């Protein structure tokens, strides 16, 4: 009966560990979704406001130079916006490459659990 009790306790411990880790995974997924939604919303608001400001600024500059240097001004503005777009795309790419992996903390904890269980099983023999 001692073996059955030990196996029962081991199974209970494993279920408890799995329950805890699944809870951690759920919390991480919820946090990531909340963070992503917030980033998306604020990015869209910033893009909208920035787009309106840029459009009005470009119209003002073109209107000011319409009679004298309209082609040069338009070419300069095109170059500035193209360079800005390339720099921003590069920064976004860099930020996406450096973001933490989804569920990294949960996977790390599960790896520790597996290592601990294997270590405990090795000590029992």
PDB file of N, CA and C in Angstrom:
ATOM      1  N   UNK A   1       0.813  -1.209   0.000  1.00  0.00           N
ATOM      2  CA  UNK A   1       0.000   0.000   0.000  1.00  0.00           C
ATOM      3  C   UNK A   1       0.847   1.259   0.000  1.00  0.00           C
ATOM      4  N   UNK A   2       2.061   1.171   0.511  1.00  0.00           N
ATOM      5  CA  UNK A   2       2.929   2.347   0.565  1.00  0.00           C
ATOM      6  C   UNK A   2       3.267   2.825  -0.836  1.00  0.00           C
ATOM      7  N   UNK A   3       3.448   1.877  -1.751  1.00  0.00           N
ATOM      8  CA  UNK A   3       3.759   2.264  -3.132  1.00  0.00           C
ATOM      9  C   UNK A   3       2.564   2.974  -3.759  1.00  0.00           C
ATOM     10  N   UNK A   4       1.372   2.461  -3.521  1.00  0.00           N
ATOM     11  CA  UNK A   4       0.162   3.087  -4.067  1.00  0.00           C
ATOM     12  C   UNK A   4       0.000   4.494  -3.505  1.00  0.00           C
ATOM     13  N   UNK A   5       0.261   4.645  -2.200  1.00  0.00           N
ATOM     14  CA  UNK A   5       0.173   5.980  -1.594  1.00  0.00           C
ATOM     15  C   UNK A   5       1.216   6.921  -2.184  1.00  0.00           C
ATOM     16  N   UNK A   6       2.438   6.409  -2.385  1.00  0.00           N
ATOM     17  CA  UNK A   6       3.498   7.240  -2.966  1.00  0.00           C
ATOM     18  C   UNK A   6       3.158   7.659  -4.389  1.00  0.00           C
ATOM     19  N   UNK A   7       2.644   6.716  -5.162  1.00  0.00           N
ATOM     20  CA  UNK A   7       2.253   7.035  -6.542  1.00  0.00           C
ATOM     21  C   UNK A   7       1.106   8.038  -6.540  1.00  0.00           C
ATOM     22  N   UNK A   8       0.179   7.878  -5.606  1.00  0.00           N
ATOM     23  CA  UNK A   8      -0.942   8.819  -5.502  1.00  0.00           C
ATOM     24  C   UNK A   8      -0.471  10.222  -5.149  1.00  0.00           C
ATOM     25  N   UNK A   9       0.451  10.293  -4.191  1.00  0.00           N
ATOM     26  CA  UNK A   9       0.994  11.608  -3.812  1.00  0.00           C
ATOM     27  C   UNK A   9       1.773  12.222  -4.965  1.00  0.00           C
ATOM     28  N   UNK A  10       2.556  11.400  -5.676  1.00  0.00           N
ATOM     29  CA  UNK A  10       3.314  11.880  -6.824  1.00  0.00           C
ATOM     30  C   UNK A  10       2.377  12.404  -7.910  1.00  0.00           C
ATOM     31  N   UNK A  11       1.314  11.654  -8.172  1.00  0.00           N
ATOM     32  CA  UNK A  11       0.338  12.088  -9.183  1.00  0.00           C
ATOM     33  C   UNK A  11      -0.326  13.394  -8.747  1.00  0.00           C
ATOM     34  N   UNK A  12      -0.665  13.489  -7.457  1.00  0.00           N
ATOM     35  CA  UNK A  12      -1.255  14.721  -6.944  1.00  0.00           C
ATOM     36  C   UNK A  12      -0.305  15.900  -7.071  1.00  0.00           C
ATOM     37  N   UNK A  13       0.970  15.663  -6.782  1.00  0.00           N
ATOM     38  CA  UNK A  13       1.981  16.722  -6.919  1.00  0.00           C
ATOM     39  C   UNK A  13       2.111  17.150  -8.379  1.00  0.00           C
ATOM     40  N   UNK A  14       2.150  16.172  -9.278  1.00  0.00           N
ATOM     41  CA  UNK A  14       2.267  16.490 -10.707  1.00  0.00           C
ATOM     42  C   UNK A  14       1.060  17.283 -11.201  1.00  0.00           C
ATOM     43  N   UNK A  15      -0.123  16.894 -10.768  1.00  0.00           N
ATOM     44  CA  UNK A  15      -1.331  17.626 -11.160  1.00  0.00           C
ATOM     45  C   UNK A  15      -1.300  19.039 -10.589  1.00  0.00           C
ATOM     46  N   UNK A  16      -0.840  19.175  -9.357  1.00  0.00           N
ATOM     47  CA  UNK A  16      -0.723  20.501  -8.750  1.00  0.00           C
ATOM     48  C   UNK A  16       0.261  21.383  -9.495  1.00  0.00           C
ATOM     49  N   UNK A  17       1.408  20.814  -9.869  1.00  0.00           N
ATOM     50  CA  UNK A  17       2.399  21.566 -10.638  1.00  0.00           C
ATOM     51  C   UNK A  17       1.818  21.973 -11.986  1.00  0.00           C
ATOM     52  N   UNK A  18       1.176  21.046 -12.655  1.00  0.00           N
ATOM     53  CA  UNK A  18       0.577  21.346 -13.958  1.00  0.00           C
ATOM     54  C   UNK A  18      -0.482  22.437 -13.832  1.00  0.00           C
ATOM     55  N   UNK A  19      -1.298  22.364 -12.789  1.00  0.00           N
ATOM     56  CA  UNK A  19      -2.328  23.373 -12.561  1.00  0.00           C
ATOM     57  C   UNK A  19      -1.703  24.748 -12.363  1.00  0.00           C
ATOM     58  N   UNK A  20      -0.660  24.823 -11.558  1.00  0.00           N
ATOM     59  CA  UNK A  20       0.024  26.091 -11.302  1.00  0.00           C
ATOM     60  C   UNK A  20       0.625  26.646 -12.580  1.00  0.00           C
ATOM     61  N   UNK A  21       1.267  25.804 -13.336  1.00  0.00           N
ATOM     62  CA  UNK A  21       1.919  26.262 -14.577  1.00  0.00           C
ATOM     63  C   UNK A  21       0.891  26.696 -15.625  1.00  0.00           C
ATOM     64  N   UNK A  22      -0.209  25.994 -15.717  1.00  0.00           N
ATOM     65  CA  UNK A  22      -1.250  26.404 -16.660  1.00  0.00           C
ATOM     66  C   UNK A  22      -1.853  27.743 -16.249  1.00  0.00           C
ATOM     67  N   UNK A  23      -1.986  27.947 -14.947  1.00  0.00           N
ATOM     68  CA  UNK A  23      -2.457  29.254 -14.459  1.00  0.00           C
ATOM     69  C   UNK A  23      -1.487  30.353 -14.829  1.00  0.00           C
ATOM     70  N   UNK A  24      -0.188  30.082 -14.695  1.00  0.00           N
ATOM     71  CA  UNK A  24       0.835  31.054 -15.072  1.00  0.00           C
ATOM     72  C   UNK A  24       0.782  31.354 -16.569  1.00  0.00           C
ATOM     73  N   UNK A  25       0.600  30.334 -17.371  1.00  0.00           N
ATOM     74  CA  UNK A  25       0.491  30.520 -18.819  1.00  0.00           C
ATOM     75  C   UNK A  25      -0.718  31.384 -19.147  1.00  0.00           C
ATOM     76  N   UNK A  26      -1.839  31.125 -18.512  1.00  0.00           N
ATOM     77  CA  UNK A  26      -3.050  31.913 -18.771  1.00  0.00           C
ATOM     78  C   UNK A  26      -2.842  33.381 -18.408  1.00  0.00           C
ATOM     79  N   UNK A  27      -2.182  33.627 -17.286  1.00  0.00           N
ATOM     80  CA  UNK A  27      -1.918  35.009 -16.876  1.00  0.00           C
ATOM     81  C   UNK A  27      -1.003  35.699 -17.884  1.00  0.00           C
ATOM     82  N   UNK A  28       0.028  34.990 -18.321  1.00  0.00           N
ATOM     83  CA  UNK A  28       0.949  35.583 -19.303  1.00  0.00           C
ATOM     84  C   UNK A  28       0.242  35.903 -20.621  1.00  0.00           C
ATOM     85  N   UNK A  29      -0.616  35.009 -21.079  1.00  0.00           N
ATOM     86  CA  UNK A  29      -1.342  35.252 -22.331  1.00  0.00           C
ATOM     87  C   UNK A  29      -2.272  36.456 -22.178  1.00  0.00           C
ATOM     88  N   UNK A  30      -2.964  36.541 -21.040  1.00  0.00           N
ATOM     89  CA  UNK A  30      -3.847  37.692 -20.813  1.00  0.00           C
ATOM     90  C   UNK A  30      -3.060  38.999 -20.759  1.00  0.00           C
ATOM     91  N   UNK A  31      -1.914  38.996 -20.083  1.00  0.00           N
ATOM     92  CA  UNK A  31      -1.085  40.199 -20.006  1.00  0.00           C
ATOM     93  C   UNK A  31      -0.583  40.606 -21.391  1.00  0.00           C
ATOM     94  N   UNK A  32      -0.168  39.632 -22.165  1.00  0.00           N
ATOM     95  CA  UNK A  32       0.342  39.926 -23.509  1.00  0.00           C
ATOM     96  C   UNK A  32      -0.769  40.485 -24.409  1.00  0.00           C
ATOM     97  N   UNK A  33      -1.949  39.929 -24.313  1.00  0.00           N
ATOM     98  CA  UNK A  33      -3.066  40.432 -25.118  1.00  0.00           C
ATOM     99  C   UNK A  33      -3.445  41.853 -24.700  1.00  0.00           C
ATOM    100  N   UNK A  34      -3.457  42.103 -23.408  1.00  0.00           N
ATOM    101  CA  UNK A  34      -3.769  43.438 -22.909  1.00  0.00           C
ATOM    102  C   UNK A  34      -2.711  44.442 -23.359  1.00  0.00           C
ATOM    103  N   UNK A  35      -1.453  44.064 -23.240  1.00  0.00           N
ATOM    104  CA  UNK A  35      -0.354  44.927 -23.654  1.00  0.00           C
ATOM    105  C   UNK A  35      -0.431  45.199 -25.153  1.00  0.00           C
ATOM    106  N   UNK A  36      -0.673  44.169 -25.938  1.00  0.00           N
ATOM    107  CA  UNK A  36      -0.753  44.325 -27.386  1.00  0.00           C
ATOM    108  C   UNK A  36      -1.922  45.222 -27.776  1.00  0.00           C
ATOM    109  N   UNK A  37      -3.068  45.036 -27.146  1.00  0.00           N
ATOM    110  CA  UNK A  37      -4.235  45.871 -27.449  1.00  0.00           C
ATOM    111  C   UNK A  37      -3.961  47.329 -27.129  1.00  0.00           C
ATOM    112  N   UNK A  38      -3.317  47.564 -26.017  1.00  0.00           N
ATOM    113  CA  UNK A  38      -2.974  48.935 -25.631  1.00  0.00           C
ATOM    114  C   UNK A  38      -1.998  49.546 -26.630  1.00  0.00           C
ATOM    115  N   UNK A  39      -0.961  48.791 -26.997  1.00  0.00           N
ATOM    116  CA  UNK A  39      -0.004  49.281 -27.991  1.00  0.00           C
ATOM    117  C   UNK A  39      -0.696  49.601 -29.306  1.00  0.00           C
ATOM    118  N   UNK A  40      -1.569  48.730 -29.728  1.00  0.00           N
ATOM    119  CA  UNK A  40      -2.258  48.927 -31.000  1.00  0.00           C
ATOM    120  C   UNK A  40      -3.140  50.170 -30.966  1.00  0.00           C
ATOM    121  N   UNK A  41      -3.915  50.336 -29.914  1.00  0.00           N
ATOM    122  CA  UNK A  41      -4.796  51.491 -29.800  1.00  0.00           C
ATOM    123  C   UNK A  41      -4.010  52.789 -29.802  1.00  0.00           C
ATOM    124  N   UNK A  42      -2.996  52.888 -28.949  1.00  0.00           N
ATOM    125  CA  UNK A  42      -2.222  54.127 -28.879  1.00  0.00           C
ATOM    126  C   UNK A  42      -1.431  54.374 -30.155  1.00  0.00           C
ATOM    127  N   UNK A  43      -1.003  53.334 -30.805  1.00  0.00           N
ATOM    128  CA  UNK A  43      -0.304  53.500 -32.086  1.00  0.00           C
ATOM    129  C   UNK A  43      -1.236  54.067 -33.143  1.00  0.00           C
ATOM    130  N   UNK A  44      -2.450  53.565 -33.196  1.00  0.00           N
ATOM    131  CA  UNK A  44      -3.408  54.055 -34.184  1.00  0.00           C
ATOM    132  C   UNK A  44      -3.788  55.517 -33.927  1.00  0.00           C
ATOM    133  N   UNK A  45      -3.983  55.869 -32.660  1.00  0.00           N
ATOM    134  CA  UNK A  45      -4.305  57.259 -32.325  1.00  0.00           C
ATOM    135  C   UNK A  45      -3.136  58.164 -32.693  1.00  0.00           C
ATOM    136  N   UNK A  46      -1.925  57.746 -32.355  1.00  0.00           N
ATOM    137  CA  UNK A  46      -0.739  58.548 -32.676  1.00  0.00           C
ATOM    138  C   UNK A  46      -0.559  58.679 -34.190  1.00  0.00           C
ATOM    139  N   UNK A  47      -0.773  57.595 -34.907  1.00  0.00           N
ATOM    140  CA  UNK A  47      -0.658  57.647 -36.372  1.00  0.00           C
ATOM    141  C   UNK A  47      -1.689  58.585 -36.985  1.00  0.00           C
ATOM    142  N   UNK A  48      -2.890  58.542 -36.500  1.00  0.00           N
ATOM    143  CA  UNK A  48      -3.926  59.422 -37.018  1.00  0.00           C
ATOM    144  C   UNK A  48      -3.574  60.888 -36.783  1.00  0.00           C
ATOM    145  N   UNK A  49      -3.234  61.224 -35.546  1.00  0.00           N
ATOM    146  CA  UNK A  49      -2.891  62.614 -35.211  1.00  0.00           C
ATOM    147  C   UNK A  49      -1.649  63.070 -35.970  1.00  0.00           C
ATOM    148  N   UNK A  50      -0.652  62.210 -36.012  1.00  0.00           N
ATOM    149  CA  UNK A  50       0.567  62.553 -36.744  1.00  0.00           C
ATOM    150  C   UNK A  50       0.309  62.705 -38.229  1.00  0.00           C
ATOM    151  N   UNK A  51      -0.517  61.857 -38.771  1.00  0.00           N
ATOM    152  CA  UNK A  51      -0.843  61.959 -40.199  1.00  0.00           C
ATOM    153  C   UNK A  51      -1.547  63.249 -40.544  1.00  0.00           C
ATOM    154  N   UNK A  52      -2.486  63.657 -39.722  1.00  0.00           N
ATOM    155  CA  UNK A  52      -3.189  64.927 -39.950  1.00  0.00           C
ATOM    156  C   UNK A  52      -2.213  66.094 -39.852  1.00  0.00           C
ATOM    157  N   UNK A  53      -1.342  66.080 -38.840  1.00  0.00           N
ATOM    158  CA  UNK A  53      -0.367  67.165 -38.662  1.00  0.00           C
ATOM    159  C   UNK A  53       0.593  67.234 -39.844  1.00  0.00           C
ATOM    160  N   UNK A  54       1.062  66.102 -40.290  1.00  0.00           N
ATOM    161  CA  UNK A  54       1.981  66.076 -41.431  1.00  0.00           C
ATOM    162  C   UNK A  54       1.289  66.566 -42.691  1.00  0.00           C
ATOM    163  N   UNK A  55       0.087  66.122 -42.922  1.00  0.00           N
ATOM    164  CA  UNK A  55      -0.658  66.553 -44.101  1.00  0.00           C
ATOM    165  C   UNK A  55      -0.849  68.067 -44.115  1.00  0.00           C
ATOM    166  N   UNK A  56      -1.258  68.615 -42.983  1.00  0.00           N
ATOM    167  CA  UNK A  56      -1.440  70.062 -42.913  1.00  0.00           C
ATOM    168  C   UNK A  56      -0.117  70.808 -43.058  1.00  0.00           C
ATOM    169  N   UNK A  57       0.938  70.276 -42.482  1.00  0.00           N
ATOM    170  CA  UNK A  57       2.259  70.897 -42.623  1.00  0.00           C
ATOM    171  C   UNK A  57       2.742  70.883 -44.059  1.00  0.00           C
ATOM    172  N   UNK A  58       2.564  69.776 -44.741  1.00  0.00           N
ATOM    173  CA  UNK A  58       2.964  69.680 -46.148  1.00  0.00           C
ATOM    174  C   UNK A  58       2.155  70.655 -46.999  1.00  0.00           C
ATOM    175  N   UNK A  59       0.870  70.731 -46.757  1.00  0.00           N
ATOM    176  CA  UNK A  59       0.044  71.678 -47.509  1.00  0.00           C
ATOM    177  C   UNK A  59       0.494  73.118 -47.276  1.00  0.00           C
ATOM    178  N   UNK A  60       0.853  73.435 -46.047  1.00  0.00           N
ATOM    179  CA  UNK A  60       1.327  74.783 -45.749  1.00  0.00           C
ATOM    180  C   UNK A  60       2.637  75.085 -46.472  1.00  0.00           C
ATOM    181  N   UNK A  61       3.579  74.167 -46.426  1.00  0.00           N
ATOM    182  CA  UNK A  61       4.870  74.387 -47.085  1.00  0.00           C
ATOM    183  C   UNK A  61       4.680  74.514 -48.597  1.00  0.00           C
ATOM    184  N   UNK A  62       3.905  73.656 -49.179  1.00  0.00           N
ATOM    185  CA  UNK A  62       3.665  73.729 -50.632  1.00  0.00           C
ATOM    186  C   UNK A  62       2.972  75.033 -50.990  1.00  0.00           C
ATOM    187  N   UNK A  63       2.009  75.463 -50.193  1.00  0.00           N
ATOM    188  CA  UNK A  63       1.304  76.726 -50.468  1.00  0.00           C
ATOM    189  C   UNK A  63       2.251  77.913 -50.356  1.00  0.00           C
ATOM    190  N   UNK A  64       3.163  77.887 -49.398  1.00  0.00           N
ATOM    191  CA  UNK A  64       4.111  78.995 -49.237  1.00  0.00           C
ATOM    192  C   UNK A  64       5.064  79.132 -50.419  1.00  0.00           C
ATOM    193  N   UNK A  65       5.470  78.019 -50.989  1.00  0.00           N
ATOM    194  CA  UNK A  65       6.445  78.047 -52.085  1.00  0.00           C
ATOM    195  C   UNK A  65       5.818  77.775 -53.456  1.00  0.00           C
ATOM    196  N   UNK A  66       4.526  77.836 -53.567  1.00  0.00           N
ATOM    197  CA  UNK A  66       3.844  77.479 -54.813  1.00  0.00           C
ATOM    198  C   UNK A  66       4.299  78.330 -55.995  1.00  0.00           C
ATOM    199  N   UNK A  67       4.482  79.604 -55.801  1.00  0.00           N
ATOM    200  CA  UNK A  67       4.831  80.494 -56.909  1.00  0.00           C
ATOM    201  C   UNK A  67       6.308  80.442 -57.278  1.00  0.00           C
ATOM    202  N   UNK A  68       7.174  80.013 -56.364  1.00  0.00           N
ATOM    203  CA  UNK A  68       8.601  80.100 -56.661  1.00  0.00           C
ATOM    204  C   UNK A  68       9.293  78.747 -56.836  1.00  0.00           C
ATOM    205  N   UNK A  69       9.178  77.840 -55.882  1.00  0.00           N
ATOM    206  CA  UNK A  69       9.952  76.586 -55.908  1.00  0.00           C
ATOM    207  C   UNK A  69       9.083  75.360 -55.605  1.00  0.00           C
ATOM    208  N   UNK A  70       7.942  75.239 -56.218  1.00  0.00           N
ATOM    209  CA  UNK A  70       7.032  74.144 -55.859  1.00  0.00           C
ATOM    210  C   UNK A  70       7.611  72.758 -56.148  1.00  0.00           C
ATOM    211  N   UNK A  71       8.310  72.570 -57.259  1.00  0.00           N
ATOM    212  CA  UNK A  71       8.863  71.255 -57.603  1.00  0.00           C
ATOM    213  C   UNK A  71       9.966  70.864 -56.611  1.00  0.00           C
ATOM    214  N   UNK A  72      10.858  71.804 -56.306  1.00  0.00           N
ATOM    215  CA  UNK A  72      11.949  71.517 -55.367  1.00  0.00           C
ATOM    216  C   UNK A  72      11.402  71.169 -53.980  1.00  0.00           C
ATOM    217  N   UNK A  73      10.407  71.930 -53.557  1.00  0.00           N
ATOM    218  CA  UNK A  73       9.807  71.674 -52.245  1.00  0.00           C
ATOM    219  C   UNK A  73       9.144  70.309 -52.223  1.00  0.00           C
ATOM    220  N   UNK A  74       8.410  69.971 -53.254  1.00  0.00           N
ATOM    221  CA  UNK A  74       7.751  68.662 -53.300  1.00  0.00           C
ATOM    222  C   UNK A  74       8.778  67.524 -53.311  1.00  0.00           C
ATOM    223  N   UNK A  75       9.858  67.662 -54.073  1.00  0.00           N
ATOM    224  CA  UNK A  75      10.896  66.632 -54.100  1.00  0.00           C
ATOM    225  C   UNK A  75      11.586  66.502 -52.741  1.00  0.00           C
ATOM    226  N   UNK A  76      11.837  67.616 -52.095  1.00  0.00           N
ATOM    227  CA  UNK A  76      12.447  67.584 -50.765  1.00  0.00           C
ATOM    228  C   UNK A  76      11.532  66.889 -49.767  1.00  0.00           C
ATOM    229  N   UNK A  77      10.258  67.212 -49.802  1.00  0.00           N
ATOM    230  CA  UNK A  77       9.301  66.577 -48.888  1.00  0.00           C
ATOM    231  C   UNK A  77       9.195  65.076 -49.154  1.00  0.00           C
ATOM    232  N   UNK A  78       9.212  64.691 -50.403  1.00  0.00           N
ATOM    233  CA  UNK A  78       9.178  63.263 -50.746  1.00  0.00           C
ATOM    234  C   UNK A  78      10.405  62.563 -50.175  1.00  0.00           C
ATOM    235  N   UNK A  79      11.579  63.161 -50.308  1.00  0.00           N
ATOM    236  CA  UNK A  79      12.815  62.570 -49.783  1.00  0.00           C
ATOM    237  C   UNK A  79      12.766  62.456 -48.259  1.00  0.00           C
ATOM    238  N   UNK A  80      12.286  63.500 -47.593  1.00  0.00           N
ATOM    239  CA  UNK A  80      12.210  63.488 -46.134  1.00  0.00           C
ATOM    240  C   UNK A  80      11.264  62.390 -45.647  1.00  0.00           C
ATOM    241  N   UNK A  81      10.102  62.270 -46.264  1.00  0.00           N
ATOM    242  CA  UNK A  81       9.139  61.261 -45.818  1.00  0.00           C
ATOM    243  C   UNK A  81       9.592  59.846 -46.157  1.00  0.00           C
ATOM    244  N   UNK A  82      10.279  59.672 -47.271  1.00  0.00           N
ATOM    245  CA  UNK A  82      10.805  58.360 -47.618  1.00  0.00           C
ATOM    246  C   UNK A  82      11.879  57.942 -46.613  1.00  0.00           C
ATOM    247  N   UNK A  83      12.790  58.850 -46.290  1.00  0.00           N
ATOM    248  CA  UNK A  83      13.829  58.548 -45.303  1.00  0.00           C
ATOM    249  C   UNK A  83      13.212  58.249 -43.940  1.00  0.00           C
ATOM    250  N   UNK A  84      12.222  59.024 -43.554  1.00  0.00           N
ATOM    251  CA  UNK A  84      11.549  58.793 -42.269  1.00  0.00           C
ATOM    252  C   UNK A  84      10.889  57.417 -42.238  1.00  0.00           C
ATOM    253  N   UNK A  85      10.217  57.054 -43.314  1.00  0.00           N
ATOM    254  CA  UNK A  85       9.554  55.747 -43.373  1.00  0.00           C
ATOM    255  C   UNK A  85      10.566  54.613 -43.258  1.00  0.00           C
ATOM    256  N   UNK A  86      11.700  54.743 -43.925  1.00  0.00           N
ATOM    257  CA  UNK A  86      12.724  53.697 -43.866  1.00  0.00           C
ATOM    258  C   UNK A  86      13.324  53.580 -42.463  1.00  0.00           C
ATOM    259  N   UNK A  87      13.592  54.704 -41.827  1.00  0.00           N
ATOM    260  CA  UNK A  87      14.147  54.682 -40.472  1.00  0.00           C
ATOM    261  C   UNK A  87      13.155  54.071 -39.492  1.00  0.00           C
ATOM    262  N   UNK A  88      11.892  54.448 -39.596  1.00  0.00           N
ATOM    263  CA  UNK A  88      10.866  53.904 -38.696  1.00  0.00           C
ATOM    264  C   UNK A  88      10.665  52.407 -38.915  1.00  0.00           C
ATOM    265  N   UNK A  89      10.692  51.983 -40.170  1.00  0.00           N
ATOM    266  CA  UNK A  89      10.554  50.551 -40.464  1.00  0.00           C
ATOM    267  C   UNK A  89      11.729  49.772 -39.881  1.00  0.00           C
ATOM    268  N   UNK A  90      12.926  50.318 -39.971  1.00  0.00           N
ATOM    269  CA  UNK A  90      14.109  49.674 -39.402  1.00  0.00           C
ATOM    270  C   UNK A  90      13.983  49.557 -37.887  1.00  0.00           C
ATOM    271  N   UNK A  91      13.544  50.633 -37.231  1.00  0.00           N
ATOM    272  CA  UNK A  91      13.389  50.612 -35.774  1.00  0.00           C
ATOM    273  C   UNK A  91      12.317  49.607 -35.337  1.00  0.00           C
ATOM    274  N   UNK A  92      11.221  49.542 -36.089  1.00  0.00           N
ATOM    275  CA  UNK A  92      10.168  48.583 -35.771  1.00  0.00           C
ATOM    276  C   UNK A  92      10.681  47.154 -35.912  1.00  0.00           C
ATOM    277  N   UNK A  93      11.408  46.895 -36.970  1.00  0.00           N
ATOM    278  CA  UNK A  93      11.977  45.567 -37.183  1.00  0.00           C
ATOM    279  C   UNK A  93      12.911  45.194 -36.033  1.00  0.00           C
ATOM    280  N   UNK A  94      13.731  46.131 -35.614  1.00  0.00           N
ATOM    281  CA  UNK A  94      14.663  45.895 -34.501  1.00  0.00           C
ATOM    282  C   UNK A  94      13.900  45.622 -33.194  1.00  0.00           C
ATOM    283  N   UNK A  95      12.847  46.389 -32.942  1.00  0.00           N
ATOM    284  CA  UNK A  95      12.053  46.200 -31.727  1.00  0.00           C
ATOM    285  C   UNK A  95      11.359  44.838 -31.721  1.00  0.00           C
ATOM    286  N   UNK A  96      10.854  44.406 -32.870  1.00  0.00           N
ATOM    287  CA  UNK A  96      10.178  43.110 -32.949  1.00  0.00           C
ATOM    288  C   UNK A  96      11.157  41.954 -32.747  1.00  0.00           C
ATOM    289  N   UNK A  97      12.390  42.118 -33.204  1.00  0.00           N
ATOM    290  CA  UNK A  97      13.389  41.060 -33.022  1.00  0.00           C
ATOM    291  C   UNK A  97      13.820  40.949 -31.566  1.00  0.00           C
ATOM    292  N   UNK A  98      13.766  42.041 -30.815  1.00  0.00           N
ATOM    293  CA  UNK A  98      14.248  42.050 -29.436  1.00  0.00           C
ATOM    294  C   UNK A  98      13.160  41.810 -28.390  1.00  0.00           C
ATOM    295  N   UNK A  99      11.922  41.629 -28.812  1.00  0.00           N
ATOM    296  CA  UNK A  99      10.852  41.436 -27.834  1.00  0.00           C
ATOM    297  C   UNK A  99      10.970  40.052 -27.208  1.00  0.00           C
ATOM    298  N   UNK A 100      10.509  39.919 -25.961  1.00  0.00           N
ATOM    299  CA  UNK A 100      10.609  38.605 -25.317  1.00  0.00           C
ATOM    300  C   UNK A 100       9.694  37.590 -25.996  1.00  0.00           C
ATOM    301  N   UNK A 101      10.108  36.345 -25.958  1.00  0.00           N
ATOM    302  CA  UNK A 101       9.348  35.254 -26.558  1.00  0.00           C
ATOM    303  C   UNK A 101       8.057  35.025 -25.777  1.00  0.00           C
ATOM    304  N   UNK A 102       6.986  34.730 -26.475  1.00  0.00           N
ATOM    305  CA  UNK A 102       5.699  34.474 -25.838  1.00  0.00           C
ATOM    306  C   UNK A 102       5.815  33.262 -24.918  1.00  0.00           C
ATOM    307  N   UNK A 103       5.329  33.412 -23.715  1.00  0.00           N
ATOM    308  CA  UNK A 103       5.314  32.358 -22.694  1.00  0.00           C
ATOM    309  C   UNK A 103       6.718  31.942 -22.249  1.00  0.00           C
ATOM    310  N   UNK A 104       7.682  32.825 -22.380  1.00  0.00           N
ATOM    311  CA  UNK A 104       9.062  32.486 -22.013  1.00  0.00           C
ATOM    312  C   UNK A 104       9.168  32.116 -20.533  1.00  0.00           C
ATOM    313  N   UNK A 105       8.486  32.859 -19.671  1.00  0.00           N
ATOM    314  CA  UNK A 105       8.564  32.577 -18.241  1.00  0.00           C
ATOM    315  C   UNK A 105       7.925  31.229 -17.901  1.00  0.00           C
ATOM    316  N   UNK A 106       6.804  30.937 -18.523  1.00  0.00           N
ATOM    317  CA  UNK A 106       6.141  29.658 -18.264  1.00  0.00           C
ATOM    318  C   UNK A 106       6.991  28.489 -18.746  1.00  0.00           C
ATOM    319  N   UNK A 107       7.559  28.622 -19.930  1.00  0.00           N
ATOM    320  CA  UNK A 107       8.406  27.546 -20.444  1.00  0.00           C
ATOM    321  C   UNK A 107       9.635  27.344 -19.562  1.00  0.00           C
ATOM    322  N   UNK A 108      10.189  28.438 -19.054  1.00  0.00           N
ATOM    323  CA  UNK A 108      11.330  28.344 -18.160  1.00  0.00           C
ATOM    324  C   UNK A 108      10.955  27.604 -16.873  1.00  0.00           C
ATOM    325  N   UNK A 109       9.812  27.937 -16.302  1.00  0.00           N
ATOM    326  CA  UNK A 109       9.369  27.270 -15.076  1.00  0.00           C
ATOM    327  C   UNK A 109       9.085  25.789 -15.321  1.00  0.00           C
ATOM    328  N   UNK A 110       8.487  25.467 -16.465  1.00  0.00           N
ATOM    329  CA  UNK A 110       8.236  24.058 -16.780  1.00  0.00           C
ATOM    330  C   UNK A 110       9.546  23.292 -16.934  1.00  0.00           C
ATOM    331  N   UNK A 111      10.552  23.930 -17.533  1.00  0.00           N
ATOM    332  CA  UNK A 111      11.860  23.279 -17.661  1.00  0.00           C
ATOM    333  C   UNK A 111      12.470  23.011 -16.299  1.00  0.00           C
ATOM    334  N   UNK A 112      12.330  23.983 -15.397  1.00  0.00           N
ATOM    335  CA  UNK A 112      12.834  23.783 -14.031  1.00  0.00           C
ATOM    336  C   UNK A 112      12.105  22.627 -13.345  1.00  0.00           C
ATOM    337  N   UNK A 113      10.783  22.563 -13.548  1.00  0.00           N
ATOM    338  CA  UNK A 113      10.004  21.482 -12.940  1.00  0.00           C
ATOM    339  C   UNK A 113      10.464  20.124 -13.454  1.00  0.00           C
ATOM    340  N   UNK A 114      10.662  20.020 -14.758  1.00  0.00           N
ATOM    341  CA  UNK A 114      11.109  18.755 -15.345  1.00  0.00           C
ATOM    342  C   UNK A 114      12.473  18.374 -14.786  1.00  0.00           C
ATOM    343  N   UNK A 115      13.373  19.366 -14.698  1.00  0.00           N
ATOM    344  CA  UNK A 115      14.709  19.086 -14.162  1.00  0.00           C
ATOM    345  C   UNK A 115      14.632  18.648 -12.709  1.00  0.00           C
ATOM    346  N   UNK A 116      13.789  19.295 -11.922  1.00  0.00           N
ATOM    347  CA  UNK A 116      13.639  18.916 -10.516  1.00  0.00           C
ATOM    348  C   UNK A 116      13.058  17.512 -10.369  1.00  0.00           C
ATOM    349  N   UNK A 117      12.051  17.204 -11.178  1.00  0.00           N
ATOM    350  CA  UNK A 117      11.444  15.868 -11.090  1.00  0.00           C
ATOM    351  C   UNK A 117      12.429  14.788 -11.514  1.00  0.00           C
ATOM    352  N   UNK A 118      13.207  15.050 -12.521  1.00  0.00           N
ATOM    353  CA  UNK A 118      14.217  14.063 -12.952  1.00  0.00           C
ATOM    354  C   UNK A 118      15.309  13.915 -11.904  1.00  0.00           C
ATOM    355  N   UNK A 119      15.665  15.020 -11.275  1.00  0.00           N
ATOM    356  CA  UNK A 119      16.670  14.962 -10.206  1.00  0.00           C
ATOM    357  C   UNK A 119      16.173  14.198  -9.009  1.00  0.00           C
ATOM    358  N   UNK A 120      14.874  14.409  -8.636  1.00  0.00           N
ATOM    359  CA  UNK A 120      14.283  13.691  -7.513  1.00  0.00           C
ATOM    360  C   UNK A 120      14.165  12.203  -7.813  1.00  0.00           C
ATOM    361  N   UNK A 121      13.804  11.866  -9.072  1.00  0.00           N
ATOM    362  CA  UNK A 121      13.662  10.459  -9.439  1.00  0.00           C
ATOM    363  C   UNK A 121      15.015   9.775  -9.424  1.00  0.00           C
ATOM    364  N   UNK A 122      16.070  10.506  -9.822  1.00  0.00           N
ATOM    365  CA  UNK A 122      17.417   9.923  -9.805  1.00  0.00           C
ATOM    366  C   UNK A 122      17.915   9.685  -8.401  1.00  0.00           C
ATOM    367  N   UNK A 123      17.512  10.502  -7.415  1.00  0.00           N
ATOM    368  CA  UNK A 123      17.950  10.358  -6.049  1.00  0.00           C
ATOM    369  C   UNK A 123      17.229   9.217  -5.354  1.00  0.00           C
ATOM    370  N   UNK A 124      16.012   8.892  -5.810  1.00  0.00           N
ATOM    371  CA  UNK A 124      15.233   7.841  -5.161  1.00  0.00           C
ATOM    372  C   UNK A 124      15.866   6.468  -5.408  1.00  0.00           C
ATOM    373  N   UNK A 125      16.570   6.308  -6.560  1.00  0.00           N
ATOM    374  CA  UNK A 125      17.174   5.007  -6.860  1.00  0.00           C
ATOM    375  C   UNK A 125      18.463   4.925  -6.208  1.00  0.00           C
TER     376      UNK A 125
END
